[in-house]
Amino acid sequence: MKLKFDSGLPYQADAIASVVDLFEGLPSKQGAFEVSLGASDFMGTTQNELGIGHQLALSPGALLANLNTVQERNVVSKSDELFGEKDPY
């Protein structure tokens, strides 16, 4: 099966907008994309069993508010919490 992306399709544009809007308020980084497998103590990164990644610079409350806004716009019932019982925050 081959997936075909066409940004002119309304449902695909809506999906992109939903993902982008989820991270509204996230500070923009000015540097180029880079990957390092060196020391795991880089500023702004975190390491776990999945690998090294950037820390999310949005508070859980802001992320939940963004999620609720996206859910409301897409006529989906609002979530009361982000992760259920296993909240990593």
C-alpha atoms as a PDB file:
ATOM      1  CA  MET A   1       0.000   0.000   0.000  1.00  0.00           C
ATOM      2  CA  LYS A   2       1.308   3.439  -0.878  1.00  0.00           C
ATOM      3  CA  LEU A   3       0.225   6.558   0.998  1.00  0.00           C
ATOM      4  CA  LYS A   4      -0.270   9.686  -1.032  1.00  0.00           C
ATOM      5  CA  PHE A   5      -0.150  13.076   0.626  1.00  0.00           C
ATOM      6  CA  ASP A   6      -1.957  15.984  -0.981  1.00  0.00           C
ATOM      7  CA  SER A   7      -1.969  19.129   1.135  1.00  0.00           C
ATOM      8  CA  GLY A   8      -4.889  20.428  -0.942  1.00  0.00           C
ATOM      9  CA  LEU A   9      -7.272  17.876   0.568  1.00  0.00           C
ATOM     10  CA  PRO A  10      -9.292  19.512   3.355  1.00  0.00           C
ATOM     11  CA  TYR A  11      -9.082  16.587   5.784  1.00  0.00           C
ATOM     12  CA  GLN A  12      -5.282  16.428   5.454  1.00  0.00           C
ATOM     13  CA  ALA A  13      -4.957  20.191   5.946  1.00  0.00           C
ATOM     14  CA  ASP A  14      -7.204  19.866   9.047  1.00  0.00           C
ATOM     15  CA  ALA A  15      -4.972  17.095  10.418  1.00  0.00           C
ATOM     16  CA  ILE A  16      -1.838  19.209   9.915  1.00  0.00           C
ATOM     17  CA  ALA A  17      -3.477  22.215  11.593  1.00  0.00           C
ATOM     18  CA  SER A  18      -4.502  20.046  14.569  1.00  0.00           C
ATOM     19  CA  VAL A  19      -0.955  18.818  15.152  1.00  0.00           C
ATOM     20  CA  VAL A  20       0.549  22.290  14.746  1.00  0.00           C
ATOM     21  CA  ASP A  21      -2.065  23.852  17.043  1.00  0.00           C
ATOM     22  CA  LEU A  22      -1.369  21.252  19.739  1.00  0.00           C
ATOM     23  CA  PHE A  23       2.065  22.833  20.190  1.00  0.00           C
ATOM     24  CA  GLU A  24       0.899  26.480  20.102  1.00  0.00           C
ATOM     25  CA  GLY A  25       3.140  28.584  22.326  1.00  0.00           C
ATOM     26  CA  LEU A  26       6.171  26.321  22.003  1.00  0.00           C
ATOM     27  CA  PRO A  27       9.294  28.479  21.664  1.00  0.00           C
ATOM     28  CA  SER A  28      10.853  28.392  18.219  1.00  0.00           C
ATOM     29  CA  LYS A  29      14.393  27.042  17.971  1.00  0.00           C
ATOM     30  CA  GLN A  30      16.777  28.889  15.683  1.00  0.00           C
ATOM     31  CA  GLY A  31      19.427  26.193  15.233  1.00  0.00           C
ATOM     32  CA  ALA A  32      19.730  23.590  12.527  1.00  0.00           C
ATOM     33  CA  PHE A  33      18.563  20.035  13.074  1.00  0.00           C
ATOM     34  CA  GLU A  34      21.244  17.931  14.677  1.00  0.00           C
ATOM     35  CA  VAL A  35      21.607  14.506  16.234  1.00  0.00           C
ATOM     36  CA  SER A  36      24.304  13.534  18.685  1.00  0.00           C
ATOM     37  CA  LEU A  37      25.015  10.200  20.294  1.00  0.00           C
ATOM     38  CA  GLY A  38      27.662  11.641  22.635  1.00  0.00           C
ATOM     39  CA  ALA A  39      27.139  12.797  26.197  1.00  0.00           C
ATOM     40  CA  SER A  40      23.529  12.588  27.371  1.00  0.00           C
ATOM     41  CA  ASP A  41      23.692  15.728  29.481  1.00  0.00           C
ATOM     42  CA  PHE A  42      23.019  18.321  26.776  1.00  0.00           C
ATOM     43  CA  MET A  43      21.026  21.380  27.784  1.00  0.00           C
ATOM     44  CA  GLY A  44      17.394  20.989  26.781  1.00  0.00           C
ATOM     45  CA  THR A  45      17.579  17.278  26.042  1.00  0.00           C
ATOM     46  CA  THR A  46      16.521  14.209  27.917  1.00  0.00           C
ATOM     47  CA  GLN A  47      17.414  10.541  27.580  1.00  0.00           C
ATOM     48  CA  ASN A  48      15.356   7.462  28.363  1.00  0.00           C
ATOM     49  CA  GLU A  49      14.981   3.890  27.101  1.00  0.00           C
ATOM     50  CA  LEU A  50      13.701   5.246  23.756  1.00  0.00           C
ATOM     51  CA  GLY A  51      16.768   7.421  23.092  1.00  0.00           C
ATOM     52  CA  ILE A  52      17.665  11.101  23.306  1.00  0.00           C
ATOM     53  CA  GLY A  53      15.076  13.784  22.664  1.00  0.00           C
ATOM     54  CA  HIS A  54      14.345  17.417  23.290  1.00  0.00           C
ATOM     55  CA  GLN A  55      12.381  18.305  26.394  1.00  0.00           C
ATOM     56  CA  LEU A  56       8.944  19.711  25.722  1.00  0.00           C
ATOM     57  CA  ALA A  57       9.014  23.388  26.702  1.00  0.00           C
ATOM     58  CA  LEU A  58       5.243  23.605  27.234  1.00  0.00           C
ATOM     59  CA  SER A  59       3.714  23.113  30.645  1.00  0.00           C
ATOM     60  CA  PRO A  60       1.297  20.204  31.008  1.00  0.00           C
ATOM     61  CA  GLY A  61      -1.499  22.748  31.598  1.00  0.00           C
ATOM     62  CA  ALA A  62      -0.731  24.617  28.366  1.00  0.00           C
ATOM     63  CA  LEU A  63      -0.516  21.363  26.416  1.00  0.00           C
ATOM     64  CA  LEU A  64      -3.872  20.219  27.837  1.00  0.00           C
ATOM     65  CA  ALA A  65      -5.465  23.591  26.993  1.00  0.00           C
ATOM     66  CA  ASN A  66      -4.151  23.310  23.414  1.00  0.00           C
ATOM     67  CA  LEU A  67      -5.443  19.747  23.195  1.00  0.00           C
ATOM     68  CA  ASN A  68      -8.886  20.828  24.410  1.00  0.00           C
ATOM     69  CA  THR A  69      -8.961  23.630  21.814  1.00  0.00           C
ATOM     70  CA  VAL A  70      -8.141  21.164  19.023  1.00  0.00           C
ATOM     71  CA  GLN A  71     -10.703  18.666  20.359  1.00  0.00           C
ATOM     72  CA  GLU A  72     -13.408  21.321  20.520  1.00  0.00           C
ATOM     73  CA  ARG A  73     -12.689  22.481  16.966  1.00  0.00           C
ATOM     74  CA  ASN A  74     -12.886  18.883  15.709  1.00  0.00           C
ATOM     75  CA  VAL A  75     -16.039  18.075  17.717  1.00  0.00           C
ATOM     76  CA  VAL A  76     -14.274  15.514  19.907  1.00  0.00           C
ATOM     77  CA  SER A  77     -15.018  15.154  23.612  1.00  0.00           C
ATOM     78  CA  LYS A  78     -12.487  17.036  25.737  1.00  0.00           C
ATOM     79  CA  SER A  79      -9.847  15.219  27.769  1.00  0.00           C
ATOM     80  CA  ASP A  80      -9.623  15.967  31.492  1.00  0.00           C
ATOM     81  CA  GLU A  81      -5.969  14.937  31.671  1.00  0.00           C
ATOM     82  CA  LEU A  82      -3.072  14.285  29.335  1.00  0.00           C
ATOM     83  CA  PHE A  83      -1.871  10.796  30.197  1.00  0.00           C
ATOM     84  CA  GLY A  84      -4.437   9.145  32.410  1.00  0.00           C
ATOM     85  CA  GLU A  85      -3.012   7.270  35.363  1.00  0.00           C
ATOM     86  CA  LYS A  86       0.564   7.211  34.044  1.00  0.00           C
ATOM     87  CA  ASP A  87       1.187  10.966  33.966  1.00  0.00           C
ATOM     88  CA  PRO A  88       4.953  11.404  33.376  1.00  0.00           C
ATOM     89  CA  TYR A  89       4.893  14.916  34.813  1.00  0.00           C
END
